Amino acid sequence: MSDVTHQAPPGQECVTCALSWSDPKAARQWLTGVQVLLDDAMAVMRDQMLPHRQRKLGHAEAERIIREADRALGHALSYAARSLPPSP
């Protein structure tokens, strides 16, 4: 596994960076970040399932949050997957 722990600047993906699973602090930080992204996406989903008058988010804002979470989760998963050994 890679010991690379640096990350790309916010909003950009580093194609050579990889999560160091052997670093508990880095792994915990990564998992916390993924959990925050999932919590945000789930909160938006729950909001959008409410009757229209009870929703706190408008359609455009809900879509923006979901798109951002989707993009960020994709980057996070790619970052973690790069630390795995190649498939045989």
Foldseek 3Di string as FASTA:
>chain_A
DDPFQDADPPPDADQPAAQDPVDVVSVVVLVVVLVVLVVQLVVLVVLVPDPPVRHPDDPVVSVVSNVVSVVVVVRSVSRHVVPDDDDD
